[in-house]
Amino acid sequence: MRHMTRTFYIVLLIVVVAGAAFLLINKTAPSQSTESIEQAQSGSTAEFGGVSLRIEYATTTAAREFGLGGRESIALDEGMLFVFLVDDLYGFWMNDMLIPVDIFWLDAQGQVVSIEQDVAPETYPNVFYPTAPARYVLETVAGFAREHNVVIGTPLSLKNFPSVTE
C-alpha cells in the first residue's frame, strides 16, 4: 500500500511539472502576428533591379514562418527579405498566401542566385527550392523579375544586411 501511494505521488509530480513547463513555454512564445508587425517596422529601402524597394525584414523564426501570409496585396515597391544565419537551400511554399509573388534567393553578398517567378497561392503545398545555396530570400509582387529584368547575378543593394535575431 505504501509503495502504491509513493508511486502515485511521483506520477502526479511528473504530470504537474510537465504541465507547468508546457504552459510556461506557450505563454512566453511570441505570436506570429506580433513578430510580423515588429519586423515590418524595422525595414529600410534597397535598390533592386533599378528600382527602390521598401524592405521588411523577417529575422526571427516566427517572422520567417509567417512571411507575407494573410496579406491581400503588396505594393509594387515593397518586398520582404527573409534573413538566415547560414547559406543553405531554403525551401519556400505558399501556405496562407493570398497573392502571387516572385521569389529571389540571394547569396551572402546580396547577389541573386536563383529565381522563381509568378508563384501562385494555388501551388501550395509545393515547395520551391533555389538552384544554389542562399543566405537571404526576397519576395516581391509577382512579375517584378520580368518587369525589371532581374536575373541571376542582379545585386540587392542594401547598406547593411540585417542579422538573424532569433
N, C-alpha and C. Protein backbone atom coordinates (compact mmCIF):
# COMPACT_ATOMS: atom_id res chain seq x y z
N MET A 1 0.83 -1.19 0.00
CA MET A 1 0.00 0.00 0.00
C MET A 1 0.87 1.25 0.00
N ARG A 2 1.90 1.26 0.83
CA ARG A 2 2.78 2.41 0.93
C ARG A 2 3.50 2.63 -0.41
N HIS A 3 3.90 1.55 -1.09
CA HIS A 3 4.59 1.65 -2.38
C HIS A 3 3.66 2.25 -3.45
N MET A 4 2.37 1.88 -3.43
CA MET A 4 1.41 2.39 -4.38
C MET A 4 1.19 3.89 -4.17
N THR A 5 1.12 4.35 -2.92
CA THR A 5 0.93 5.76 -2.62
C THR A 5 2.13 6.56 -3.10
N ARG A 6 3.31 6.04 -2.87
CA ARG A 6 4.53 6.73 -3.29
C ARG A 6 4.59 6.84 -4.82
N THR A 7 4.25 5.78 -5.53
CA THR A 7 4.22 5.79 -6.99
C THR A 7 3.20 6.81 -7.50
N PHE A 8 2.04 6.87 -6.86
CA PHE A 8 1.01 7.82 -7.25
C PHE A 8 1.54 9.25 -7.15
N TYR A 9 2.21 9.60 -6.05
CA TYR A 9 2.73 10.95 -5.87
C TYR A 9 3.85 11.28 -6.86
N ILE A 10 4.66 10.31 -7.20
CA ILE A 10 5.72 10.53 -8.18
C ILE A 10 5.11 10.82 -9.55
N VAL A 11 4.12 10.02 -9.95
CA VAL A 11 3.44 10.23 -11.23
C VAL A 11 2.74 11.59 -11.23
N LEU A 12 2.07 11.94 -10.16
CA LEU A 12 1.39 13.23 -10.04
C LEU A 12 2.38 14.38 -10.17
N LEU A 13 3.52 14.26 -9.52
CA LEU A 13 4.55 15.29 -9.60
C LEU A 13 5.06 15.46 -11.04
N ILE A 14 5.28 14.36 -11.73
CA ILE A 14 5.73 14.42 -13.12
C ILE A 14 4.70 15.12 -14.00
N VAL A 15 3.43 14.79 -13.82
CA VAL A 15 2.36 15.41 -14.60
C VAL A 15 2.29 16.91 -14.33
N VAL A 16 2.39 17.33 -13.08
CA VAL A 16 2.34 18.75 -12.72
C VAL A 16 3.52 19.50 -13.32
N VAL A 17 4.72 18.94 -13.20
CA VAL A 17 5.91 19.60 -13.75
C VAL A 17 5.80 19.71 -15.27
N ALA A 18 5.37 18.65 -15.94
CA ALA A 18 5.23 18.67 -17.40
C ALA A 18 4.18 19.70 -17.82
N GLY A 19 3.07 19.76 -17.11
CA GLY A 19 2.03 20.74 -17.41
C GLY A 19 2.51 22.17 -17.22
N ALA A 20 3.24 22.42 -16.14
CA ALA A 20 3.78 23.76 -15.88
C ALA A 20 4.77 24.15 -16.97
N ALA A 21 5.62 23.22 -17.37
CA ALA A 21 6.60 23.51 -18.43
C ALA A 21 5.89 23.83 -19.74
N PHE A 22 4.85 23.08 -20.07
CA PHE A 22 4.07 23.33 -21.29
C PHE A 22 3.46 24.72 -21.26
N LEU A 23 2.83 25.09 -20.17
CA LEU A 23 2.21 26.42 -20.05
C LEU A 23 3.24 27.53 -20.13
N LEU A 24 4.37 27.35 -19.48
CA LEU A 24 5.42 28.37 -19.49
C LEU A 24 5.97 28.58 -20.90
N ILE A 25 6.22 27.50 -21.62
CA ILE A 25 6.74 27.61 -22.98
C ILE A 25 5.74 28.30 -23.89
N ASN A 26 4.47 27.92 -23.82
CA ASN A 26 3.46 28.52 -24.69
C ASN A 26 3.15 29.96 -24.32
N LYS A 27 3.27 30.30 -23.05
CA LYS A 27 2.98 31.66 -22.62
C LYS A 27 4.07 32.63 -23.07
N THR A 28 5.32 32.20 -23.07
CA THR A 28 6.41 33.10 -23.41
C THR A 28 6.72 33.14 -24.90
N ALA A 29 6.14 32.24 -25.69
CA ALA A 29 6.40 32.27 -27.14
C ALA A 29 5.64 33.42 -27.78
N PRO A 30 6.32 34.25 -28.58
CA PRO A 30 5.64 35.37 -29.23
C PRO A 30 4.70 34.87 -30.30
N SER A 31 3.62 35.62 -30.51
CA SER A 31 2.68 35.24 -31.56
C SER A 31 3.25 35.61 -32.91
N GLN A 32 2.84 34.90 -33.94
CA GLN A 32 3.36 35.17 -35.28
C GLN A 32 2.96 36.55 -35.75
N SER A 33 1.73 36.97 -35.48
CA SER A 33 1.31 38.27 -35.97
C SER A 33 2.07 39.39 -35.29
N THR A 34 2.37 39.28 -34.01
CA THR A 34 3.16 40.30 -33.32
C THR A 34 4.55 40.36 -33.90
N GLU A 35 5.17 39.21 -34.13
CA GLU A 35 6.51 39.18 -34.72
C GLU A 35 6.49 39.83 -36.09
N SER A 36 5.48 39.53 -36.90
CA SER A 36 5.42 40.07 -38.24
C SER A 36 5.30 41.59 -38.21
N ILE A 37 4.50 42.12 -37.30
CA ILE A 37 4.34 43.57 -37.16
C ILE A 37 5.65 44.20 -36.74
N GLU A 38 6.34 43.61 -35.77
CA GLU A 38 7.62 44.15 -35.32
C GLU A 38 8.62 44.16 -36.46
N GLN A 39 8.67 43.11 -37.24
CA GLN A 39 9.61 43.06 -38.34
C GLN A 39 9.27 44.08 -39.41
N ALA A 40 7.98 44.29 -39.67
CA ALA A 40 7.58 45.25 -40.69
C ALA A 40 8.04 46.66 -40.32
N GLN A 41 8.13 46.98 -39.06
CA GLN A 41 8.53 48.30 -38.62
C GLN A 41 10.03 48.51 -38.70
N SER A 42 10.80 47.44 -38.87
CA SER A 42 12.25 47.58 -38.84
C SER A 42 12.88 47.58 -40.23
N GLY A 43 12.08 47.82 -41.26
CA GLY A 43 12.58 47.75 -42.62
C GLY A 43 13.38 48.97 -43.05
N SER A 44 13.85 48.93 -44.29
CA SER A 44 14.59 50.04 -44.86
C SER A 44 14.35 50.03 -46.36
N THR A 45 15.12 50.84 -47.08
CA THR A 45 14.99 50.92 -48.52
C THR A 45 16.22 50.30 -49.18
N ALA A 46 16.00 49.63 -50.30
CA ALA A 46 17.09 49.00 -51.04
C ALA A 46 16.88 49.23 -52.53
N GLU A 47 17.97 49.12 -53.29
CA GLU A 47 17.89 49.18 -54.75
C GLU A 47 17.93 47.76 -55.28
N PHE A 48 17.00 47.45 -56.19
CA PHE A 48 16.94 46.11 -56.75
C PHE A 48 16.35 46.19 -58.14
N GLY A 49 17.08 45.76 -59.13
CA GLY A 49 16.59 45.82 -60.50
C GLY A 49 16.35 47.23 -60.97
N GLY A 50 17.14 48.18 -60.46
CA GLY A 50 16.98 49.58 -60.85
C GLY A 50 15.82 50.28 -60.20
N VAL A 51 15.21 49.65 -59.21
CA VAL A 51 14.04 50.20 -58.52
C VAL A 51 14.33 50.31 -57.03
N SER A 52 13.79 51.34 -56.41
CA SER A 52 13.90 51.49 -54.96
C SER A 52 12.77 50.70 -54.31
N LEU A 53 13.14 49.78 -53.43
CA LEU A 53 12.16 48.93 -52.74
C LEU A 53 12.13 49.24 -51.25
N ARG A 54 10.93 49.28 -50.69
CA ARG A 54 10.79 49.33 -49.23
C ARG A 54 10.83 47.89 -48.75
N ILE A 55 11.79 47.59 -47.88
CA ILE A 55 12.04 46.21 -47.45
C ILE A 55 11.59 46.00 -46.01
N GLU A 56 10.83 44.94 -45.80
CA GLU A 56 10.53 44.47 -44.45
C GLU A 56 11.46 43.30 -44.19
N TYR A 57 11.93 43.19 -42.96
CA TYR A 57 12.83 42.10 -42.60
C TYR A 57 12.09 41.00 -41.85
N ALA A 58 12.42 39.77 -42.15
CA ALA A 58 11.96 38.62 -41.38
C ALA A 58 13.22 37.98 -40.81
N THR A 59 13.59 38.37 -39.58
CA THR A 59 14.85 37.92 -38.99
C THR A 59 14.67 36.90 -37.88
N THR A 60 13.44 36.65 -37.48
CA THR A 60 13.18 35.65 -36.44
C THR A 60 12.49 34.44 -37.06
N THR A 61 12.53 33.34 -36.36
CA THR A 61 11.88 32.12 -36.85
C THR A 61 10.40 32.37 -37.10
N ALA A 62 9.72 33.01 -36.15
CA ALA A 62 8.28 33.27 -36.30
C ALA A 62 7.99 34.16 -37.50
N ALA A 63 8.77 35.21 -37.68
CA ALA A 63 8.55 36.12 -38.80
C ALA A 63 8.82 35.42 -40.13
N ARG A 64 9.86 34.57 -40.18
CA ARG A 64 10.14 33.83 -41.41
C ARG A 64 9.03 32.84 -41.73
N GLU A 65 8.47 32.20 -40.72
CA GLU A 65 7.39 31.25 -40.95
C GLU A 65 6.12 31.95 -41.41
N PHE A 66 5.82 33.11 -40.87
CA PHE A 66 4.60 33.85 -41.21
C PHE A 66 4.74 34.58 -42.53
N GLY A 67 5.89 35.21 -42.75
CA GLY A 67 6.18 35.89 -44.02
C GLY A 67 5.08 36.85 -44.46
N LEU A 68 4.71 36.75 -45.71
CA LEU A 68 3.66 37.60 -46.28
C LEU A 68 2.29 36.93 -46.21
N GLY A 69 2.19 35.84 -45.48
CA GLY A 69 0.93 35.11 -45.35
C GLY A 69 -0.19 35.99 -44.84
N GLY A 70 -1.37 35.83 -45.42
CA GLY A 70 -2.55 36.56 -44.98
C GLY A 70 -2.71 37.94 -45.60
N ARG A 71 -1.72 38.43 -46.29
CA ARG A 71 -1.83 39.76 -46.91
C ARG A 71 -2.63 39.68 -48.20
N GLU A 72 -3.48 40.66 -48.38
CA GLU A 72 -4.31 40.70 -49.59
C GLU A 72 -3.62 41.41 -50.74
N SER A 73 -2.57 42.16 -50.44
CA SER A 73 -1.84 42.85 -51.50
C SER A 73 -0.44 43.22 -51.01
N ILE A 74 0.41 43.54 -51.97
CA ILE A 74 1.74 44.06 -51.68
C ILE A 74 2.01 45.11 -52.77
N ALA A 75 2.55 46.24 -52.37
CA ALA A 75 2.80 47.31 -53.33
C ALA A 75 3.90 46.93 -54.30
N LEU A 76 3.91 47.59 -55.46
CA LEU A 76 4.92 47.33 -56.48
C LEU A 76 6.33 47.63 -56.00
N ASP A 77 6.44 48.52 -55.00
CA ASP A 77 7.77 48.91 -54.49
C ASP A 77 8.05 48.34 -53.11
N GLU A 78 7.43 47.21 -52.79
CA GLU A 78 7.65 46.57 -51.48
C GLU A 78 8.19 45.16 -51.66
N GLY A 79 8.89 44.71 -50.62
CA GLY A 79 9.37 43.34 -50.60
C GLY A 79 9.65 42.91 -49.18
N MET A 80 9.71 41.60 -48.96
CA MET A 80 10.08 41.08 -47.65
C MET A 80 11.37 40.28 -47.81
N LEU A 81 12.36 40.62 -46.98
CA LEU A 81 13.65 39.95 -47.01
C LEU A 81 13.74 38.98 -45.83
N PHE A 82 13.84 37.69 -46.15
CA PHE A 82 13.98 36.64 -45.15
C PHE A 82 15.47 36.45 -44.90
N VAL A 83 15.87 36.55 -43.65
CA VAL A 83 17.29 36.53 -43.28
C VAL A 83 17.60 35.23 -42.55
N PHE A 84 18.64 34.53 -43.01
CA PHE A 84 19.06 33.28 -42.40
C PHE A 84 20.49 33.39 -41.89
N LEU A 85 20.85 32.51 -40.98
CA LEU A 85 22.16 32.53 -40.34
C LEU A 85 23.27 32.01 -41.25
N VAL A 86 22.96 31.00 -42.04
CA VAL A 86 23.96 30.37 -42.92
C VAL A 86 23.38 30.16 -44.32
N ASP A 87 24.25 29.98 -45.28
CA ASP A 87 23.81 29.67 -46.65
C ASP A 87 23.25 28.26 -46.68
N ASP A 88 22.12 28.09 -47.38
CA ASP A 88 21.51 26.76 -47.49
C ASP A 88 20.51 26.80 -48.64
N LEU A 89 19.90 25.66 -48.92
CA LEU A 89 18.87 25.55 -49.95
C LEU A 89 17.51 25.70 -49.28
N TYR A 90 17.13 26.92 -48.92
CA TYR A 90 15.90 27.17 -48.18
C TYR A 90 14.68 27.05 -49.10
N GLY A 91 13.76 26.16 -48.70
CA GLY A 91 12.54 25.95 -49.46
C GLY A 91 11.44 26.90 -49.01
N PHE A 92 10.63 27.36 -49.98
CA PHE A 92 9.50 28.24 -49.68
C PHE A 92 8.24 27.66 -50.28
N TRP A 93 7.13 27.84 -49.57
CA TRP A 93 5.84 27.39 -50.06
C TRP A 93 4.84 28.51 -49.86
N MET A 94 3.64 28.33 -50.36
CA MET A 94 2.64 29.39 -50.37
C MET A 94 1.56 29.20 -49.31
N ASN A 95 1.91 28.63 -48.18
CA ASN A 95 0.97 28.42 -47.08
C ASN A 95 0.41 29.76 -46.61
N ASP A 96 -0.90 29.89 -46.55
CA ASP A 96 -1.61 31.10 -46.10
C ASP A 96 -1.39 32.31 -47.00
N MET A 97 -0.84 32.12 -48.19
CA MET A 97 -0.63 33.24 -49.11
C MET A 97 -1.91 33.51 -49.89
N LEU A 98 -2.18 34.79 -50.11
CA LEU A 98 -3.37 35.21 -50.85
C LEU A 98 -3.00 35.85 -52.18
N ILE A 99 -1.73 36.15 -52.38
CA ILE A 99 -1.27 36.83 -53.59
C ILE A 99 -0.08 36.09 -54.21
N PRO A 100 0.07 36.17 -55.53
CA PRO A 100 1.25 35.57 -56.15
C PRO A 100 2.47 36.45 -55.92
N VAL A 101 3.65 35.83 -55.90
CA VAL A 101 4.90 36.56 -55.65
C VAL A 101 6.01 36.04 -56.56
N ASP A 102 7.05 36.85 -56.69
CA ASP A 102 8.32 36.41 -57.25
C ASP A 102 9.22 36.13 -56.05
N ILE A 103 9.99 35.05 -56.11
CA ILE A 103 10.90 34.68 -55.02
C ILE A 103 12.33 34.72 -55.55
N PHE A 104 13.18 35.47 -54.86
CA PHE A 104 14.59 35.61 -55.24
C PHE A 104 15.46 35.09 -54.10
N TRP A 105 16.33 34.13 -54.39
CA TRP A 105 17.30 33.65 -53.41
C TRP A 105 18.60 34.41 -53.67
N LEU A 106 19.21 34.94 -52.59
CA LEU A 106 20.43 35.74 -52.72
C LEU A 106 21.53 35.16 -51.85
N ASP A 107 22.77 35.29 -52.32
CA ASP A 107 23.91 34.80 -51.53
C ASP A 107 24.26 35.81 -50.44
N ALA A 108 25.31 35.53 -49.69
CA ALA A 108 25.69 36.38 -48.55
C ALA A 108 26.08 37.79 -48.98
N GLN A 109 26.45 37.98 -50.25
CA GLN A 109 26.80 39.31 -50.76
C GLN A 109 25.60 40.03 -51.37
N GLY A 110 24.44 39.38 -51.38
CA GLY A 110 23.23 40.01 -51.90
C GLY A 110 23.03 39.84 -53.39
N GLN A 111 23.74 38.90 -54.02
CA GLN A 111 23.59 38.63 -55.45
C GLN A 111 22.53 37.54 -55.65
N VAL A 112 21.65 37.73 -56.62
CA VAL A 112 20.62 36.73 -56.93
C VAL A 112 21.30 35.46 -57.43
N VAL A 113 20.95 34.32 -56.80
CA VAL A 113 21.48 33.02 -57.22
C VAL A 113 20.40 32.11 -57.80
N SER A 114 19.13 32.47 -57.56
CA SER A 114 18.02 31.66 -58.07
C SER A 114 16.75 32.50 -58.04
N ILE A 115 15.84 32.23 -58.99
CA ILE A 115 14.59 32.99 -59.09
C ILE A 115 13.45 32.03 -59.37
N GLU A 116 12.31 32.26 -58.74
CA GLU A 116 11.07 31.56 -59.04
C GLU A 116 10.03 32.65 -59.29
N GLN A 117 9.49 32.71 -60.52
CA GLN A 117 8.59 33.80 -60.89
C GLN A 117 7.13 33.40 -60.84
N ASP A 118 6.30 34.39 -60.52
CA ASP A 118 4.84 34.25 -60.56
C ASP A 118 4.35 33.01 -59.80
N VAL A 119 4.80 32.86 -58.56
CA VAL A 119 4.40 31.72 -57.75
C VAL A 119 3.01 32.02 -57.15
N ALA A 120 2.03 31.24 -57.54
CA ALA A 120 0.64 31.47 -57.15
C ALA A 120 0.30 30.76 -55.84
N PRO A 121 -0.66 31.33 -55.08
CA PRO A 121 -1.10 30.67 -53.84
C PRO A 121 -1.58 29.24 -54.07
N GLU A 122 -2.14 28.98 -55.24
CA GLU A 122 -2.68 27.65 -55.55
C GLU A 122 -1.60 26.58 -55.67
N THR A 123 -0.34 26.97 -55.69
CA THR A 123 0.74 25.97 -55.78
C THR A 123 0.97 25.24 -54.46
N TYR A 124 0.41 25.78 -53.35
CA TYR A 124 0.56 25.12 -52.05
C TYR A 124 -0.06 23.74 -52.14
N PRO A 125 0.59 22.68 -51.68
CA PRO A 125 1.72 22.58 -50.78
C PRO A 125 3.08 22.37 -51.46
N ASN A 126 3.20 22.67 -52.75
CA ASN A 126 4.51 22.54 -53.40
C ASN A 126 5.54 23.41 -52.70
N VAL A 127 6.77 22.93 -52.64
CA VAL A 127 7.87 23.68 -52.04
C VAL A 127 8.85 24.05 -53.15
N PHE A 128 9.26 25.32 -53.17
CA PHE A 128 10.18 25.82 -54.18
C PHE A 128 11.56 26.00 -53.56
N TYR A 129 12.57 25.44 -54.22
CA TYR A 129 13.95 25.48 -53.73
C TYR A 129 14.84 26.22 -54.72
N PRO A 130 15.91 26.84 -54.21
CA PRO A 130 16.85 27.50 -55.11
C PRO A 130 17.75 26.48 -55.80
N THR A 131 18.43 26.94 -56.84
CA THR A 131 19.38 26.08 -57.55
C THR A 131 20.77 26.18 -56.95
N ALA A 132 20.96 27.11 -56.01
CA ALA A 132 22.26 27.29 -55.33
C ALA A 132 21.98 27.74 -53.90
N PRO A 133 22.90 27.48 -52.97
CA PRO A 133 22.70 27.92 -51.58
C PRO A 133 22.51 29.44 -51.49
N ALA A 134 21.68 29.85 -50.55
CA ALA A 134 21.37 31.27 -50.36
C ALA A 134 21.40 31.63 -48.88
N ARG A 135 21.66 32.88 -48.59
CA ARG A 135 21.62 33.41 -47.22
C ARG A 135 20.34 34.21 -46.99
N TYR A 136 19.83 34.81 -48.07
CA TYR A 136 18.64 35.66 -47.99
C TYR A 136 17.64 35.23 -49.05
N VAL A 137 16.37 35.51 -48.76
CA VAL A 137 15.32 35.28 -49.75
C VAL A 137 14.45 36.53 -49.77
N LEU A 138 14.19 37.05 -50.96
CA LEU A 138 13.37 38.24 -51.13
C LEU A 138 12.10 37.87 -51.87
N GLU A 139 10.95 38.26 -51.31
CA GLU A 139 9.68 38.08 -52.00
C GLU A 139 9.16 39.46 -52.41
N THR A 140 8.73 39.55 -53.67
CA THR A 140 8.14 40.78 -54.19
C THR A 140 6.83 40.43 -54.88
N VAL A 141 6.15 41.46 -55.35
CA VAL A 141 4.94 41.26 -56.12
C VAL A 141 5.28 40.44 -57.37
N ALA A 142 4.37 39.57 -57.78
CA ALA A 142 4.59 38.75 -58.97
C ALA A 142 4.80 39.64 -60.19
N GLY A 143 5.72 39.24 -61.05
CA GLY A 143 6.01 40.00 -62.26
C GLY A 143 7.17 40.96 -62.10
N PHE A 144 7.67 41.13 -60.88
CA PHE A 144 8.76 42.07 -60.63
C PHE A 144 10.01 41.70 -61.43
N ALA A 145 10.38 40.43 -61.42
CA ALA A 145 11.60 39.99 -62.12
C ALA A 145 11.51 40.30 -63.61
N ARG A 146 10.38 40.00 -64.20
CA ARG A 146 10.19 40.22 -65.63
C ARG A 146 10.18 41.72 -65.95
N GLU A 147 9.44 42.49 -65.17
CA GLU A 147 9.30 43.92 -65.43
C GLU A 147 10.61 44.69 -65.27
N HIS A 148 11.46 44.24 -64.34
CA HIS A 148 12.70 44.98 -64.04
C HIS A 148 13.96 44.23 -64.47
N ASN A 149 13.77 43.21 -65.31
CA ASN A 149 14.90 42.44 -65.85
C ASN A 149 15.85 41.93 -64.78
N VAL A 150 15.29 41.42 -63.68
CA VAL A 150 16.12 40.84 -62.63
C VAL A 150 16.49 39.42 -63.06
N VAL A 151 17.79 39.14 -63.06
CA VAL A 151 18.31 37.85 -63.49
C VAL A 151 19.33 37.36 -62.47
N ILE A 152 19.81 36.14 -62.65
CA ILE A 152 20.87 35.61 -61.80
C ILE A 152 22.04 36.60 -61.84
N GLY A 153 22.55 36.96 -60.67
CA GLY A 153 23.66 37.91 -60.58
C GLY A 153 23.24 39.33 -60.26
N THR A 154 21.95 39.65 -60.41
CA THR A 154 21.48 41.00 -60.07
C THR A 154 21.70 41.23 -58.58
N PRO A 155 22.30 42.37 -58.19
CA PRO A 155 22.53 42.62 -56.77
C PRO A 155 21.35 43.32 -56.09
N LEU A 156 21.15 43.00 -54.83
CA LEU A 156 20.24 43.75 -53.97
C LEU A 156 21.15 44.71 -53.20
N SER A 157 21.01 46.00 -53.46
CA SER A 157 21.88 47.00 -52.83
C SER A 157 21.23 47.50 -51.55
N LEU A 158 21.76 47.03 -50.44
CA LEU A 158 21.27 47.39 -49.12
C LEU A 158 22.49 47.76 -48.30
N LYS A 159 22.46 48.92 -47.66
CA LYS A 159 23.66 49.38 -46.94
C LYS A 159 24.14 48.36 -45.92
N ASN A 160 23.25 47.89 -45.10
CA ASN A 160 23.61 46.91 -44.07
C ASN A 160 22.60 45.78 -44.09
N PHE A 161 23.05 44.59 -44.46
CA PHE A 161 22.15 43.46 -44.41
C PHE A 161 21.88 43.13 -42.95
N PRO A 162 20.62 42.90 -42.59
CA PRO A 162 20.30 42.59 -41.20
C PRO A 162 20.79 41.21 -40.80
N SER A 163 20.84 40.97 -39.51
CA SER A 163 21.25 39.68 -38.97
C SER A 163 20.05 38.94 -38.42
N VAL A 164 20.21 37.65 -38.25
CA VAL A 164 19.19 36.84 -37.61
C VAL A 164 19.11 37.27 -36.15
N THR A 165 17.89 37.50 -35.66
CA THR A 165 17.73 37.92 -34.27
C THR A 165 17.20 36.81 -33.39
N GLU A 166 16.87 35.69 -33.94
CA GLU A 166 16.34 34.57 -33.14
C GLU A 166 16.57 33.28 -33.87
